[in-house]
N, C-alpha and C. Protein backbone atom coordinates (compact mmCIF):
# COMPACT_ATOMS: atom_id res chain seq x y z
N MET A 1 0.64 -1.18 -0.38
CA MET A 1 0.18 0.07 0.32
C MET A 1 0.92 0.92 -0.14
N SER A 2 1.40 1.73 -1.68
CA SER A 2 2.10 3.18 -0.92
C SER A 2 1.45 3.20 -2.28
N GLY A 3 2.03 4.44 -2.05
CA GLY A 3 1.67 5.74 -3.51
C GLY A 3 0.99 6.97 -2.87
N PRO A 4 0.66 7.76 -3.90
CA PRO A 4 -0.14 8.97 -3.88
C PRO A 4 -1.66 8.88 -2.70
N GLY A 5 -1.70 8.90 -2.22
CA GLY A 5 -3.20 8.90 -1.51
C GLY A 5 -3.65 7.74 -0.08
N ALA A 6 -2.58 6.62 0.12
CA ALA A 6 -2.34 5.16 0.02
C ALA A 6 -2.22 5.80 2.02
N GLU A 7 -3.12 5.07 2.34
CA GLU A 7 -2.86 5.11 3.71
C GLU A 7 -1.57 3.68 4.29
N PRO A 8 -1.12 5.43 5.73
CA PRO A 8 0.17 4.51 5.86
C PRO A 8 -0.25 3.34 6.23
N SER A 9 0.98 2.97 6.60
CA SER A 9 0.82 1.20 7.26
C SER A 9 0.77 1.26 8.54
N ARG A 10 -0.02 0.49 9.31
CA ARG A 10 0.47 0.79 11.18
C ARG A 10 1.96 -0.13 11.39
N ARG A 11 1.78 0.51 12.79
CA ARG A 11 3.40 -0.14 13.45
C ARG A 11 2.43 -0.16 14.75
N GLY A 12 3.20 -1.15 15.62
CA GLY A 12 3.71 -1.10 17.17
C GLY A 12 1.89 -1.38 17.32
N GLU A 13 1.06 -1.19 18.10
CA GLU A 13 0.20 -0.86 18.58
C GLU A 13 -1.07 -0.82 18.24
N ALA A 14 -1.05 0.22 18.02
CA ALA A 14 -1.89 0.18 16.12
C ALA A 14 -2.02 -0.80 15.24
N ALA A 15 -0.88 -1.30 14.96
CA ALA A 15 -0.36 -3.06 14.16
C ALA A 15 -2.11 -3.94 14.97
N VAL A 16 -1.32 -4.19 16.38
CA VAL A 16 -2.20 -5.03 16.81
C VAL A 16 -4.03 -5.65 16.73
N GLU A 17 -3.45 -4.41 17.24
CA GLU A 17 -5.31 -3.46 17.73
C GLU A 17 -6.09 -3.50 16.64
N ALA A 18 -5.61 -3.36 15.03
CA ALA A 18 -5.89 -3.62 14.31
C ALA A 18 -6.30 -4.50 13.30
N VAL A 19 -5.12 -5.90 13.85
CA VAL A 19 -5.44 -7.08 13.64
C VAL A 19 -6.07 -8.10 14.56
N ARG A 20 -6.06 -7.61 15.70
CA ARG A 20 -7.60 -8.44 16.10
C ARG A 20 -8.82 -7.65 15.79
N GLY A 21 -8.59 -6.29 15.45
CA GLY A 21 -10.46 -5.89 15.35
C GLY A 21 -10.51 -7.00 14.14
N VAL A 22 -10.08 -6.36 13.24
CA VAL A 22 -10.07 -8.02 11.65
C VAL A 22 -10.25 -8.99 11.48
N VAL A 23 -9.69 -9.95 13.10
CA VAL A 23 -9.68 -11.02 13.58
C VAL A 23 -10.92 -11.18 14.09
N LEU A 24 -11.71 -10.42 15.30
CA LEU A 24 -12.35 -10.71 15.81
C LEU A 24 -13.82 -10.59 14.42
N GLY A 25 -13.93 -9.62 14.12
CA GLY A 25 -15.06 -9.71 12.86
C GLY A 25 -14.79 -10.32 12.46
N ILE A 26 -14.46 -11.90 11.64
CA ILE A 26 -14.37 -12.89 10.36
C ILE A 26 -15.37 -14.02 11.24
N PRO A 27 -17.01 -13.76 10.10
CA PRO A 27 -18.06 -14.32 11.30
C PRO A 27 -17.54 -16.55 11.97
N PRO A 28 -17.96 -16.50 12.21
CA PRO A 28 -18.09 -18.30 12.54
C PRO A 28 -18.32 -19.04 10.69
N GLY A 29 -17.45 -19.86 10.31
CA GLY A 29 -17.13 -20.87 9.29
C GLY A 29 -16.54 -20.24 8.30
N SER A 30 -16.48 -18.55 8.37
CA SER A 30 -15.57 -18.21 7.70
C SER A 30 -13.56 -17.89 7.92
N VAL A 31 -13.01 -17.33 6.73
CA VAL A 31 -11.81 -17.71 6.90
C VAL A 31 -11.37 -16.46 6.08
N LEU A 32 -10.35 -15.97 6.12
CA LEU A 32 -9.20 -14.68 5.83
C LEU A 32 -7.89 -15.71 5.98
N SER A 33 -7.28 -15.25 4.76
CA SER A 33 -5.70 -15.53 5.09
C SER A 33 -4.97 -14.41 6.22
N TYR A 34 -3.94 -14.39 5.93
CA TYR A 34 -2.92 -13.46 6.23
C TYR A 34 -2.84 -12.35 5.89
N GLY A 35 -2.80 -12.55 4.10
CA GLY A 35 -2.84 -11.14 3.45
C GLY A 35 -3.96 -10.57 3.00
N ASP A 36 -4.71 -11.10 3.79
CA ASP A 36 -6.01 -10.53 3.39
C ASP A 36 -6.13 -10.09 5.07
N VAL A 37 -5.84 -9.79 6.22
CA VAL A 37 -6.04 -9.62 7.42
C VAL A 37 -5.25 -8.30 7.74
N ALA A 38 -3.65 -8.81 6.98
CA ALA A 38 -3.11 -7.23 6.75
C ALA A 38 -3.93 -6.17 6.02
N GLU A 39 -4.18 -6.98 4.95
CA GLU A 39 -4.47 -5.59 4.02
C GLU A 39 -5.89 -4.64 4.51
N LEU A 40 -6.86 -5.64 5.05
CA LEU A 40 -7.41 -4.93 6.13
C LEU A 40 -7.29 -4.57 6.98
N ALA A 41 -6.40 -4.79 8.00
CA ALA A 41 -5.71 -3.47 8.96
C ALA A 41 -5.07 -2.65 8.61
N GLN A 42 -4.37 -2.79 7.41
CA GLN A 42 -3.34 -1.66 7.08
C GLN A 42 -2.42 -2.23 7.74
N LEU A 43 -1.35 -3.00 6.95
CA LEU A 43 -0.03 -3.40 7.42
C LEU A 43 0.73 -3.07 6.09
N ALA A 44 2.34 -3.92 6.62
CA ALA A 44 2.65 -3.47 4.94
C ALA A 44 3.20 -4.76 4.77
N SER A 45 2.88 -5.65 5.76
CA SER A 45 2.54 -7.51 4.98
C SER A 45 1.88 -8.22 5.27
N PRO A 46 1.40 -9.50 5.08
CA PRO A 46 1.30 -10.35 5.72
C PRO A 46 2.24 -10.77 6.09
N ARG A 47 2.74 -11.44 6.65
CA ARG A 47 4.00 -11.63 7.71
C ARG A 47 4.26 -10.55 9.08
N LEU A 48 3.91 -9.33 9.13
CA LEU A 48 3.30 -8.73 10.25
C LEU A 48 1.86 -9.50 10.99
N ALA A 49 1.49 -9.50 10.40
CA ALA A 49 0.16 -9.70 10.33
C ALA A 49 0.09 -11.37 11.28
N ALA A 50 1.03 -12.65 10.61
CA ALA A 50 1.06 -13.28 11.50
C ALA A 50 2.46 -13.75 12.13
N ARG A 51 2.94 -12.28 11.91
CA ARG A 51 4.19 -12.40 13.71
C ARG A 51 2.58 -12.56 15.27
N ILE A 52 1.99 -11.27 14.61
CA ILE A 52 0.69 -10.20 15.79
C ILE A 52 0.69 -12.07 15.74
N MET A 53 0.34 -12.92 15.60
CA MET A 53 -0.64 -13.62 15.91
C MET A 53 0.09 -14.87 16.28
N SER A 54 1.44 -15.46 15.83
CA SER A 54 1.81 -16.58 16.23
C SER A 54 2.82 -15.87 17.83
N LEU A 55 2.05 -15.03 18.00
CA LEU A 55 3.24 -14.32 19.04
C LEU A 55 1.91 -14.44 19.93
N GLY A 56 0.19 -14.02 19.69
CA GLY A 56 -0.69 -13.98 20.91
C GLY A 56 -0.84 -13.06 20.99
N HIS A 57 -0.39 -11.97 20.72
CA HIS A 57 -0.65 -10.14 20.83
C HIS A 57 -1.82 -9.70 20.20
N ALA A 58 -2.44 -10.52 19.90
CA ALA A 58 -4.07 -10.17 19.51
C ALA A 58 -4.54 -10.97 20.55
N GLY A 59 -4.00 -11.27 21.51
CA GLY A 59 -5.04 -12.17 22.86
C GLY A 59 -5.41 -13.19 22.57
N GLU A 60 -6.40 -13.59 23.59
CA GLU A 60 -6.27 -15.03 24.50
C GLU A 60 -7.73 -15.16 23.44
N ASP A 61 -8.30 -14.33 23.71
CA ASP A 61 -9.97 -14.58 22.99
C ASP A 61 -9.90 -14.23 20.90
N VAL A 62 -9.48 -14.16 20.36
CA VAL A 62 -9.58 -14.12 19.06
C VAL A 62 -9.79 -15.69 18.45
N PRO A 63 -9.97 -15.73 17.88
CA PRO A 63 -10.33 -16.62 16.99
C PRO A 63 -8.92 -16.55 15.97
N TRP A 64 -8.21 -17.48 16.55
CA TRP A 64 -6.87 -17.32 15.33
C TRP A 64 -7.46 -18.93 14.51
N TRP A 65 -7.95 -19.82 14.57
CA TRP A 65 -8.02 -20.78 13.32
C TRP A 65 -8.85 -20.04 11.81
N ARG A 66 -9.72 -19.19 12.31
CA ARG A 66 -10.29 -18.52 11.28
C ARG A 66 -8.88 -17.36 10.28
N VAL A 67 -8.66 -17.47 10.83
CA VAL A 67 -6.17 -16.63 9.65
C VAL A 67 -5.51 -17.86 9.68
N VAL A 68 -5.60 -18.18 7.99
CA VAL A 68 -4.69 -18.36 7.63
C VAL A 68 -4.06 -18.95 6.54
N ARG A 69 -3.25 -19.69 5.69
CA ARG A 69 -2.27 -19.52 4.99
C ARG A 69 -2.83 -19.07 3.93
N ALA A 70 -2.04 -19.22 2.98
CA ALA A 70 -3.10 -18.09 1.32
C ALA A 70 -3.64 -19.93 0.75
N ASP A 71 -3.08 -20.85 0.64
CA ASP A 71 -3.60 -21.96 0.45
C ASP A 71 -4.53 -22.61 1.27
N GLY A 72 -4.78 -22.15 2.32
CA GLY A 72 -5.91 -22.84 3.28
C GLY A 72 -5.75 -23.65 4.41
N THR A 73 -3.88 -23.31 4.68
CA THR A 73 -3.36 -24.99 5.53
C THR A 73 -3.02 -23.99 6.88
N LEU A 74 -2.81 -24.57 8.26
CA LEU A 74 -1.99 -23.32 9.34
C LEU A 74 -0.98 -24.17 9.60
N PRO A 75 0.81 -23.49 10.44
CA PRO A 75 1.65 -25.32 11.28
C PRO A 75 1.23 -25.86 11.03
N ASP A 76 0.86 -26.76 11.23
CA ASP A 76 1.23 -28.56 11.41
C ASP A 76 0.84 -28.84 13.20
N ARG A 77 2.01 -27.84 14.00
CA ARG A 77 0.89 -28.08 15.10
C ARG A 77 0.10 -27.18 15.77
N LEU A 78 -0.80 -26.49 15.10
CA LEU A 78 -1.72 -26.07 14.81
C LEU A 78 -3.02 -26.77 14.48
N GLN A 79 -2.47 -28.12 13.40
CA GLN A 79 -4.06 -27.64 13.14
C GLN A 79 -4.49 -29.24 13.19
N ILE A 80 -4.78 -30.08 14.14
CA ILE A 80 -5.43 -30.46 15.17
C ILE A 80 -6.90 -29.86 15.71
N ALA A 81 -6.15 -29.11 16.75
CA ALA A 81 -6.82 -28.35 17.79
C ALA A 81 -8.06 -27.45 15.29
N ALA A 82 -7.47 -26.51 15.36
CA ALA A 82 -8.51 -26.69 14.45
C ALA A 82 -9.38 -26.76 13.85
N ARG A 83 -9.18 -28.01 12.86
CA ARG A 83 -10.01 -29.48 12.96
C ARG A 83 -11.29 -29.15 13.54
N GLY A 84 -11.47 -28.97 14.96
CA GLY A 84 -12.25 -28.99 16.19
C GLY A 84 -12.92 -27.98 15.22
N HIS A 85 -12.45 -26.68 15.49
CA HIS A 85 -13.23 -25.51 15.10
C HIS A 85 -13.81 -25.32 13.90
N TYR A 86 -13.13 -26.54 13.03
CA TYR A 86 -13.63 -26.29 11.72
C TYR A 86 -14.78 -27.20 11.70
N GLU A 87 -14.66 -27.61 12.10
CA GLU A 87 -15.94 -28.76 12.54
C GLU A 87 -17.17 -27.89 12.92
N SER A 88 -16.96 -27.48 13.74
CA SER A 88 -18.33 -27.39 14.81
C SER A 88 -18.91 -26.12 14.44
N GLU A 89 -17.17 -25.07 13.34
CA GLU A 89 -18.76 -23.68 13.20
C GLU A 89 -19.48 -23.72 11.40
N GLY A 90 -18.94 -25.21 10.71
CA GLY A 90 -19.19 -25.47 9.80
C GLY A 90 -18.74 -24.90 8.85
N THR A 91 -16.77 -24.70 8.58
CA THR A 91 -15.82 -24.17 7.82
C THR A 91 -16.07 -25.11 6.73
N ALA A 92 -16.10 -25.18 6.12
CA ALA A 92 -15.80 -25.80 3.96
C ALA A 92 -14.44 -26.35 4.25
N LEU A 93 -13.96 -27.80 4.04
CA LEU A 93 -12.75 -28.68 4.23
C LEU A 93 -12.53 -28.88 3.08
N ARG A 94 -11.44 -28.87 2.77
CA ARG A 94 -10.93 -29.98 1.25
C ARG A 94 -10.61 -31.07 2.35
N THR A 95 -10.67 -31.80 1.42
CA THR A 95 -9.96 -33.34 0.95
C THR A 95 -8.85 -33.49 0.78
N THR A 96 -7.62 -33.70 2.25
CA THR A 96 -5.82 -33.43 1.75
C THR A 96 -5.58 -34.70 1.85
N SER A 97 -4.39 -35.05 1.43
CA SER A 97 -3.57 -36.16 2.52
C SER A 97 -1.85 -35.97 2.91
N ALA A 98 -2.17 -34.13 2.64
CA ALA A 98 -1.00 -33.61 2.37
C ALA A 98 -0.99 -33.03 3.80
N HIS A 99 -2.14 -32.67 4.36
CA HIS A 99 -2.96 -31.96 5.61
C HIS A 99 -3.71 -32.48 6.73
N TRP A 100 -3.70 -32.79 7.74
CA TRP A 100 -4.68 -33.02 8.27
C TRP A 100 -5.89 -32.20 8.21
N VAL A 101 -5.53 -30.58 7.74
CA VAL A 101 -7.19 -30.25 7.36
C VAL A 101 -6.45 -29.01 6.79
N GLN A 102 -6.91 -28.86 5.79
CA GLN A 102 -7.34 -27.68 5.35
C GLN A 102 -8.75 -26.97 4.58
N VAL A 103 -8.57 -26.05 5.01
CA VAL A 103 -9.30 -24.90 4.27
C VAL A 103 -9.86 -24.97 2.95
N ASP A 104 -11.01 -24.95 2.46
CA ASP A 104 -11.60 -24.74 1.25
C ASP A 104 -12.08 -23.33 0.77
N MET A 105 -10.74 -22.84 0.37
CA MET A 105 -10.12 -21.11 -0.12
C MET A 105 -11.61 -20.18 -0.33
N ALA A 106 -12.13 -21.37 -1.86
CA ALA A 106 -12.97 -20.58 -2.84
C ALA A 106 -14.15 -20.80 -1.74
N ARG A 107 -15.00 -21.90 -1.12
CA ARG A 107 -16.07 -21.21 -0.32
C ARG A 107 -15.66 -20.91 1.30
N ALA A 108 -14.69 -20.61 2.09
CA ALA A 108 -15.16 -19.84 3.03
C ALA A 108 -14.49 -18.56 3.22
N ARG A 109 -14.01 -18.66 2.34
CA ARG A 109 -13.09 -16.81 2.23
C ARG A 109 -14.30 -15.79 2.19
N TRP A 110 -14.11 -15.19 3.75
CA TRP A 110 -14.98 -14.06 4.14
C TRP A 110 -14.93 -13.22 3.24
N ASN A 111 -15.50 -12.06 2.70
CA ASN A 111 -15.47 -11.13 2.03
C ASN A 111 -15.63 -9.97 2.11
N GLY A 112 -14.95 -9.19 3.89
CA GLY A 112 -15.04 -8.89 4.86
C GLY A 112 -15.09 -7.23 4.03
């Protein structure tokens, strides 16, 4: 997000609060990619959104399973816990032998 008229990138506590607000707004059964979160939160990069989430800075109460990689996956250590959330929320999943769980991004991505 650069160029004339572009919003400046958020940093520090403003970035954390923006990510938290975006993630709390994702409805059950839907997901966003880290890139989507970064764009909506006006961050410089998806990596910043991922870092905020992975370090727990967005808070213990955020639905972390609703933010995934662009291919619909999560790190291996989170897949089993996320699967239970996806099943209870009715999140569209893909059948895959490569991952324990993979979100069907075409069907589950939120147009927030």
